[in-house]
Amino acid sequence: MNSQHRHRYQLAHDLRIDSDASKNIFDNLLPGCGRRSIKGFIQEIHSNPYAALRFCEYQVKMWELVRELNPIWFFDTTGNIMARLKNQKEILIYSIVVHDDVNKTSFPIADFFSSENDSITINSFLTKIVERFSLYSFFKKPKVVVTDYSWANIHAISRAFNNLEVIDYLNLTFKVLVEGKLYSLTPINTFVYLCSTHFLKNKIDETDRVLKKKDSNETLLVRKRFIKSFILLQNCETLESFCKLLLCIRNIFMNEEMNENYLKSIAYLTAAQKEIDFLKKTKFPNKSYINDNDEIKKYAYKHPFRTKSNYYETGYDFFQFENDEVQKSAIQYKISDLNMFNFFEDDNEEENKIVLHKIINSNDVEQKQTPCTTDDCCSD
């Protein structure tokens, strides 16, 4: 009885017969609207290696409805959804999901199964999805595809949407972001974004791996501080702010003594935390992307004896950038006003606080005067 219940949706016990029967049923239920249209739901089925491609005409039209407000595809992979076939690898499902900003919901527009999880197979299916969707004149590629840190996914997306190798894509984006050469955008149709959630998860896993042999209390303390610092990186909107925060994190966690750079870095991270609006994503503002009319600040370093600029020879210093609102906040306000100890929450030792305040007060940092209250003025 249990076996019959598990297989109640099967049309046949043989996988090939069951798959073909399912495809034929969907082809009859969804015949399409003309010769240049998508028919059915299951588009392709392969037995060895196993693979299946699924999408329908309605999903293309749903993408068109949400594309103008949110032209982003989210591409991810998961496993443990099907029993492993004999003499084959694990079957994974690759899903493309979009978000409807108006109705506050997400839905898939295409997915495929595959037991061959390499860049060639993924690229093949993504290319087929784009080509089939292109049968409709209104279809436009997404401006952004968000994925994880899988090399196979990144390589396949770059090839399928831009017809570029990863190294070529990186060189072009480097010229845009660092050297300000907007003409390098021409070959790029779709930008590849790396998921910030996967980024933070990787940092958490790596932190746990490094600290697993340490004392438990110390491990939890360092782990919380380190992860909290990287959360700030997730909210960066410019290359400039990302570089500054990353340098501050380096100064804090790789300094052996509490020197001036250490204290300035803590002040900057605390000020940056106060500037973050964690609710800004709920407002769904009009998203903007780089185009030919935008002005990009150049960060490239012009070497006096080399023809090519080198970004990594800039020698970034803590206060190198100008017109930084977070930096101004870190300089002008009193360190006590910035709640620098609240940034690391559990600095409860009064002795350490006194030592830190003495060091801070000895620095030549311009501090904002605390405005006097009415009682203070009257007492004078």
Protein backbone atom coordinates (compact mmCIF):
# COMPACT_ATOMS: atom_id res chain seq x y z
CA MET A 1 0.00 0.00 0.00
CA ASN A 2 2.82 2.44 0.84
CA SER A 3 4.50 1.74 -2.47
CA GLN A 4 1.27 2.33 -4.39
CA HIS A 5 0.68 5.59 -2.52
CA ARG A 6 4.18 6.90 -3.35
CA HIS A 7 3.72 6.14 -7.05
CA ARG A 8 0.07 7.26 -7.34
CA TYR A 9 0.97 10.03 -9.84
CA GLN A 10 2.99 7.80 -12.15
CA LEU A 11 1.47 6.89 -15.49
CA ALA A 12 3.82 3.91 -15.85
CA HIS A 13 6.49 2.19 -13.77
CA ASP A 14 9.10 2.61 -16.48
CA LEU A 15 10.72 6.07 -16.24
CA ARG A 16 10.97 6.60 -20.00
CA ILE A 17 7.36 5.63 -20.68
CA ASP A 18 6.11 7.71 -17.76
CA SER A 19 8.08 10.80 -18.90
CA ASP A 20 6.90 10.53 -22.51
CA ALA A 21 3.29 10.11 -21.39
CA SER A 22 3.53 13.20 -19.16
CA LYS A 23 4.99 15.25 -22.01
CA ASN A 24 2.24 14.18 -24.43
CA ILE A 25 -0.48 15.09 -21.93
CA PHE A 26 0.92 18.61 -21.41
CA ASP A 27 1.35 19.06 -25.17
CA ASN A 28 -2.36 18.39 -25.63
CA LEU A 29 -3.41 20.57 -22.70
CA LEU A 30 -1.21 23.53 -23.77
CA PRO A 31 -1.12 23.53 -27.59
CA GLY A 32 0.28 27.07 -27.85
CA CYS A 33 -1.01 30.07 -29.79
CA GLY A 34 0.43 29.68 -33.25
CA ARG A 35 3.49 28.31 -34.98
CA ARG A 36 5.93 30.66 -33.25
CA SER A 37 4.88 29.83 -29.72
CA ILE A 38 5.79 27.46 -26.92
CA LYS A 39 3.84 24.21 -26.80
CA GLY A 40 3.21 22.21 -23.65
CA PHE A 41 5.15 22.36 -20.38
CA ILE A 42 7.79 19.61 -20.58
CA GLN A 43 9.95 20.71 -23.50
CA GLU A 44 12.68 18.04 -23.48
CA ILE A 45 13.39 14.72 -21.77
CA HIS A 46 16.62 12.74 -21.81
CA SER A 47 17.08 9.35 -20.18
CA ASN A 48 20.85 8.83 -19.90
CA PRO A 49 22.13 11.14 -18.58
CA TYR A 50 18.76 12.09 -17.19
CA ALA A 51 17.56 15.61 -17.98
CA ALA A 52 14.27 17.45 -18.37
CA LEU A 53 13.48 21.02 -19.42
CA ARG A 54 10.22 22.60 -18.24
CA PHE A 55 8.48 25.89 -18.97
CA CYS A 56 5.32 27.05 -20.73
CA GLU A 57 3.93 30.03 -22.62
CA TYR A 58 2.22 31.45 -19.54
CA GLN A 59 5.53 31.75 -17.73
CA VAL A 60 7.03 33.85 -20.53
CA LYS A 61 4.07 36.23 -20.35
CA MET A 62 4.29 36.40 -16.55
CA TRP A 63 7.95 37.41 -16.89
CA GLU A 64 6.95 40.22 -19.24
CA LEU A 65 4.49 41.53 -16.63
CA VAL A 66 7.13 41.88 -13.90
CA ARG A 67 10.16 42.68 -16.07
CA GLU A 68 9.74 46.46 -16.21
CA LEU A 69 9.78 46.91 -12.43
CA ASN A 70 12.21 44.13 -11.57
CA PRO A 71 14.28 42.83 -14.53
CA ILE A 72 16.17 40.27 -12.43
CA TRP A 73 16.43 36.48 -12.64
CA PHE A 74 17.43 34.47 -9.58
CA PHE A 75 19.17 31.26 -10.61
CA ASP A 76 19.86 28.56 -8.02
CA THR A 77 20.29 24.82 -7.66
CA THR A 78 19.10 22.26 -5.15
CA GLY A 79 19.21 18.49 -4.74
CA ASN A 80 17.54 15.64 -2.87
CA ILE A 81 14.35 15.93 -4.92
CA MET A 82 14.53 12.69 -6.91
CA ALA A 83 15.82 9.21 -6.29
CA ARG A 84 19.21 8.62 -7.86
CA LEU A 85 19.00 6.58 -11.04
CA LYS A 86 21.18 3.54 -11.49
CA ASN A 87 24.69 4.30 -12.77
CA GLN A 88 23.98 8.06 -12.79
CA LYS A 89 24.97 11.00 -10.61
CA GLU A 90 22.61 12.85 -8.29
CA ILE A 91 19.82 14.66 -10.11
CA LEU A 92 19.67 18.38 -9.34
CA ILE A 93 16.98 20.90 -10.18
CA TYR A 94 18.00 24.30 -11.57
CA SER A 95 15.33 26.97 -11.15
CA ILE A 96 14.94 30.50 -12.51
CA VAL A 97 12.79 32.59 -10.18
CA VAL A 98 11.57 36.18 -10.52
CA HIS A 99 10.04 38.51 -7.96
CA ASP A 100 6.83 40.46 -8.46
CA ASP A 101 7.31 43.78 -6.67
CA VAL A 102 3.63 44.68 -6.94
CA ASN A 103 2.11 41.52 -5.48
CA LYS A 104 5.11 40.83 -3.22
CA THR A 105 5.51 37.26 -4.44
CA SER A 106 8.06 35.13 -6.28
CA PHE A 107 7.46 32.47 -8.92
CA PRO A 108 9.52 30.31 -11.30
CA ILE A 109 9.58 31.00 -15.02
CA ALA A 110 11.69 27.98 -16.03
CA ASP A 111 13.54 25.05 -14.53
CA PHE A 112 15.39 21.95 -15.60
CA PHE A 113 16.63 18.70 -14.10
CA SER A 114 20.01 17.21 -14.85
CA SER A 115 22.33 14.50 -13.56
CA GLU A 116 25.26 16.07 -15.45
CA ASN A 117 26.02 19.18 -13.43
CA ASP A 118 28.79 20.82 -15.43
CA SER A 119 29.03 24.22 -17.14
CA ILE A 120 28.45 22.73 -20.61
CA THR A 121 25.12 21.17 -19.63
CA ILE A 122 23.94 24.22 -17.68
CA ASN A 123 24.93 26.55 -20.53
CA SER A 124 23.06 24.34 -23.00
CA PHE A 125 19.79 24.51 -21.07
CA LEU A 126 20.06 28.25 -20.33
CA THR A 127 20.70 28.93 -24.02
CA LYS A 128 17.64 26.87 -24.97
CA ILE A 129 15.49 28.80 -22.49
CA VAL A 130 16.60 32.16 -23.89
CA GLU A 131 16.13 31.02 -27.50
CA ARG A 132 12.65 29.59 -26.86
CA PHE A 133 11.58 32.70 -24.99
CA SER A 134 12.88 34.79 -27.90
CA LEU A 135 10.13 33.35 -30.08
CA TYR A 136 7.97 36.09 -28.59
CA SER A 137 8.75 39.56 -29.89
CA PHE A 138 8.11 41.19 -26.51
CA PHE A 139 10.71 39.08 -24.70
CA LYS A 140 13.81 40.82 -23.38
CA LYS A 141 16.69 39.33 -21.47
CA PRO A 142 17.04 40.20 -17.79
CA LYS A 143 19.42 42.99 -16.90
CA VAL A 144 20.75 40.98 -13.96
CA VAL A 145 21.06 37.29 -13.10
CA VAL A 146 21.74 36.53 -9.43
CA THR A 147 23.46 33.24 -8.66
CA ASP A 148 25.65 31.55 -6.07
CA TYR A 149 29.41 31.03 -6.09
CA SER A 150 29.29 27.91 -8.27
CA TRP A 151 31.88 28.18 -11.05
CA ALA A 152 29.70 26.09 -13.36
CA ASN A 153 26.73 28.44 -12.88
CA ILE A 154 28.78 31.63 -13.30
CA HIS A 155 30.52 30.34 -16.43
CA ALA A 156 27.26 29.09 -17.97
CA ILE A 157 25.42 32.38 -17.32
CA SER A 158 28.23 34.44 -18.85
CA ARG A 159 28.21 32.28 -21.97
CA ALA A 160 24.43 31.97 -22.35
CA PHE A 161 23.49 35.63 -21.83
CA ASN A 162 26.59 37.52 -23.02
CA ASN A 163 28.49 34.97 -25.14
CA LEU A 164 31.58 35.83 -23.08
CA GLU A 165 34.10 33.79 -21.16
CA VAL A 166 34.32 34.64 -17.47
CA ILE A 167 37.78 36.20 -17.82
CA ASP A 168 36.51 38.46 -20.63
CA TYR A 169 33.48 39.48 -18.57
CA LEU A 170 35.72 40.32 -15.59
CA ASN A 171 38.07 42.40 -17.74
CA LEU A 172 35.16 44.41 -19.16
CA THR A 173 33.51 45.06 -15.80
CA PHE A 174 36.90 46.01 -14.33
CA LYS A 175 37.33 48.66 -17.03
CA VAL A 176 33.89 50.05 -16.22
CA LEU A 177 34.07 50.05 -12.41
CA VAL A 178 37.72 50.98 -11.93
CA GLU A 179 38.82 52.83 -15.06
CA GLY A 180 35.45 54.42 -15.88
CA LYS A 181 35.44 53.22 -19.52
CA LEU A 182 31.73 52.94 -20.22
CA TYR A 183 32.24 51.76 -23.79
CA SER A 184 33.23 48.41 -22.27
CA LEU A 185 29.54 47.84 -21.47
CA THR A 186 28.70 47.25 -25.14
CA PRO A 187 29.25 43.45 -25.19
CA ILE A 188 27.45 42.94 -21.87
CA ASN A 189 23.71 42.30 -22.12
CA THR A 190 23.20 40.89 -18.63
CA PHE A 191 25.16 41.52 -15.45
CA VAL A 192 26.06 38.61 -13.18
CA TYR A 193 25.45 39.31 -9.50
CA LEU A 194 26.68 37.01 -6.74
CA CYS A 195 24.08 36.34 -4.06
CA SER A 196 24.89 38.20 -0.83
CA THR A 197 23.23 35.49 1.27
CA HIS A 198 25.55 32.86 -0.17
CA PHE A 199 28.43 35.27 0.38
CA LEU A 200 27.63 35.61 4.08
CA LYS A 201 27.03 31.87 4.47
CA ASN A 202 30.46 31.14 2.97
CA LYS A 203 32.05 33.55 5.45
CA ILE A 204 30.23 31.92 8.36
CA ASP A 205 31.32 28.43 7.27
CA GLU A 206 34.91 29.56 6.77
CA THR A 207 34.95 31.30 10.16
CA ASP A 208 33.64 28.17 11.87
CA ARG A 209 36.28 26.08 10.12
CA VAL A 210 39.13 28.33 11.26
CA LEU A 211 37.90 28.74 14.84
CA LYS A 212 36.72 25.19 15.51
CA LYS A 213 39.77 24.36 17.67
CA LYS A 214 39.63 27.53 19.76
CA ASP A 215 38.11 28.12 23.18
CA SER A 216 34.32 28.09 22.96
CA ASN A 217 33.72 31.53 24.54
CA GLU A 218 36.44 33.15 22.48
CA THR A 219 35.18 31.43 19.35
CA LEU A 220 31.64 32.76 19.78
CA LEU A 221 32.93 36.27 20.48
CA VAL A 222 35.25 36.46 17.46
CA ARG A 223 32.69 34.74 15.24
CA LYS A 224 29.97 37.28 16.08
CA ARG A 225 32.28 40.26 15.59
CA PHE A 226 33.68 39.00 12.32
CA ILE A 227 30.30 38.14 10.80
CA LYS A 228 28.81 41.44 11.94
CA SER A 229 31.60 43.27 10.13
CA PHE A 230 30.90 41.43 6.89
CA ILE A 231 27.19 42.26 7.10
CA LEU A 232 28.21 45.88 6.49
CA LEU A 233 29.93 44.82 3.26
CA GLN A 234 26.64 43.39 2.02
CA ASN A 235 25.03 46.82 2.19
CA CYS A 236 27.72 48.66 0.21
CA GLU A 237 26.45 50.42 -2.90
CA THR A 238 29.78 51.63 -4.33
CA LEU A 239 33.22 50.17 -4.91
CA GLU A 240 34.67 53.00 -2.83
CA SER A 241 32.68 52.20 0.31
CA PHE A 242 33.35 48.48 -0.10
CA CYS A 243 37.12 49.05 -0.24
CA LYS A 244 37.07 51.29 2.81
CA LEU A 245 35.04 48.88 4.90
CA LEU A 246 37.18 45.94 3.85
CA LEU A 247 40.30 47.85 4.85
CA CYS A 248 38.76 48.66 8.23
CA ILE A 249 37.95 45.00 8.82
CA ARG A 250 41.54 44.14 8.00
CA ASN A 251 42.85 46.78 10.42
CA ILE A 252 40.69 45.45 13.24
CA PHE A 253 41.19 41.71 12.90
CA MET A 254 44.83 41.66 11.78
CA ASN A 255 46.28 44.29 14.12
CA GLU A 256 48.22 42.92 17.06
CA GLU A 257 47.87 46.12 19.07
CA MET A 258 45.30 48.87 19.57
CA ASN A 259 46.98 51.55 17.49
CA GLU A 260 45.47 54.56 15.76
CA ASN A 261 44.38 52.62 12.67
CA TYR A 262 42.59 50.11 14.88
CA LEU A 263 40.60 52.81 16.68
CA LYS A 264 39.79 54.74 13.52
CA SER A 265 38.59 51.53 11.87
CA ILE A 266 36.24 50.74 14.75
CA ALA A 267 34.88 54.29 14.63
CA TYR A 268 34.34 54.06 10.88
CA LEU A 269 32.54 50.69 11.09
CA THR A 270 30.34 52.02 13.88
CA ALA A 271 29.45 55.12 11.85
CA ALA A 272 28.78 52.96 8.79
CA GLN A 273 26.41 50.82 10.81
CA LYS A 274 24.42 53.90 11.85
CA GLU A 275 24.08 54.94 8.19
CA ILE A 276 22.49 51.65 7.08
CA ASP A 277 18.75 51.66 6.41
CA PHE A 278 17.78 48.01 6.66
CA LEU A 279 14.22 48.81 5.57
CA LYS A 280 15.14 50.56 2.32
CA LYS A 281 14.57 47.37 0.32
CA THR A 282 10.92 47.29 1.34
CA LYS A 283 10.22 50.56 -0.47
CA PHE A 284 10.94 49.02 -3.89
CA PRO A 285 12.50 52.12 -5.47
CA ASN A 286 13.04 52.35 -9.20
CA LYS A 287 16.14 50.28 -9.87
CA SER A 288 18.90 51.88 -11.90
CA TYR A 289 21.64 50.13 -13.81
CA ILE A 290 24.80 51.34 -15.48
CA ASN A 291 24.23 52.85 -18.90
CA ASP A 292 26.11 55.04 -21.34
CA ASN A 293 24.77 58.26 -19.79
CA ASP A 294 26.10 57.56 -16.31
CA GLU A 295 29.28 59.06 -14.95
CA ILE A 296 31.56 56.56 -13.25
CA LYS A 297 34.26 57.68 -10.85
CA LYS A 298 37.71 56.41 -11.81
CA TYR A 299 39.73 54.54 -9.21
CA ALA A 300 42.61 53.48 -11.45
CA TYR A 301 46.13 54.42 -10.46
CA LYS A 302 48.19 55.98 -13.28
CA HIS A 303 51.71 54.65 -13.02
CA PRO A 304 54.30 57.20 -14.31
CA PHE A 305 56.29 54.55 -16.19
CA ARG A 306 53.60 52.10 -17.29
CA THR A 307 51.03 52.40 -20.02
CA LYS A 308 48.46 50.29 -18.17
CA SER A 309 46.82 51.42 -14.95
CA ASN A 310 46.96 49.14 -11.95
CA TYR A 311 44.12 49.26 -9.44
CA TYR A 312 46.02 47.18 -6.91
CA GLU A 313 48.90 49.68 -6.67
CA THR A 314 46.74 52.51 -5.40
CA GLY A 315 47.97 52.01 -1.84
CA TYR A 316 44.54 52.63 -0.30
CA ASP A 317 44.84 54.54 2.93
CA PHE A 318 42.10 54.94 5.52
CA PHE A 319 41.30 58.58 4.78
CA GLN A 320 42.19 58.66 1.10
CA PHE A 321 38.68 59.18 -0.25
CA GLU A 322 37.01 62.56 -0.15
CA ASN A 323 33.37 63.56 0.35
CA ASP A 324 32.55 60.46 2.37
CA GLU A 325 29.59 61.12 4.67
CA VAL A 326 30.38 58.14 6.89
CA GLN A 327 33.98 59.27 7.20
CA LYS A 328 32.88 62.79 8.16
CA SER A 329 30.62 61.30 10.81
CA ALA A 330 33.48 59.23 12.19
CA ILE A 331 35.76 62.30 12.37
CA GLN A 332 33.43 65.05 13.56
CA TYR A 333 31.40 63.30 16.25
CA LYS A 334 32.71 62.18 19.58
CA ILE A 335 33.70 58.55 19.68
CA SER A 336 31.35 58.07 22.64
CA ASP A 337 28.48 59.40 20.51
CA LEU A 338 29.20 56.75 17.89
CA ASN A 339 28.58 53.94 20.39
CA MET A 340 31.82 52.30 19.34
CA PHE A 341 31.53 49.81 22.17
CA ASN A 342 28.01 48.91 21.11
CA PHE A 343 29.37 47.81 17.75
CA PHE A 344 31.14 44.93 19.49
CA GLU A 345 28.42 44.71 22.16
CA ASP A 346 30.28 42.58 24.69
CA ASP A 347 33.24 44.83 25.53
CA ASN A 348 32.19 44.79 29.18
CA GLU A 349 35.56 45.16 30.83
CA GLU A 350 35.68 48.67 32.31
CA GLU A 351 39.45 48.58 32.39
CA ASN A 352 39.67 48.14 28.62
CA LYS A 353 37.18 50.96 28.09
CA ILE A 354 39.23 53.38 30.19
CA VAL A 355 42.41 52.50 28.29
CA LEU A 356 40.66 52.94 24.93
CA HIS A 357 39.18 56.31 25.91
CA LYS A 358 42.62 57.55 26.98
CA ILE A 359 44.09 56.56 23.62
CA ILE A 360 41.19 58.13 21.73
CA ASN A 361 41.38 61.40 23.65
CA SER A 362 45.10 61.60 22.92
CA ASN A 363 44.52 61.45 19.14
CA ASP A 364 44.47 64.65 17.10
CA VAL A 365 40.94 64.02 15.88
CA GLU A 366 38.57 66.92 15.52
CA GLN A 367 35.56 66.24 17.72
CA LYS A 368 32.18 67.88 17.59
CA GLN A 369 31.27 69.88 20.68
CA THR A 370 28.29 68.68 22.61
CA PRO A 371 25.57 71.37 22.43
CA CYS A 372 24.80 72.84 25.84
CA THR A 373 21.41 72.38 27.39
CA THR A 374 19.22 75.15 28.76
CA ASP A 375 20.24 74.34 32.33
CA ASP A 376 23.93 74.55 31.46
CA CYS A 377 23.52 77.96 29.84
CA CYS A 378 21.54 79.26 32.78
CA SER A 379 24.12 78.04 35.26
CA ASP A 380 26.76 80.16 33.55
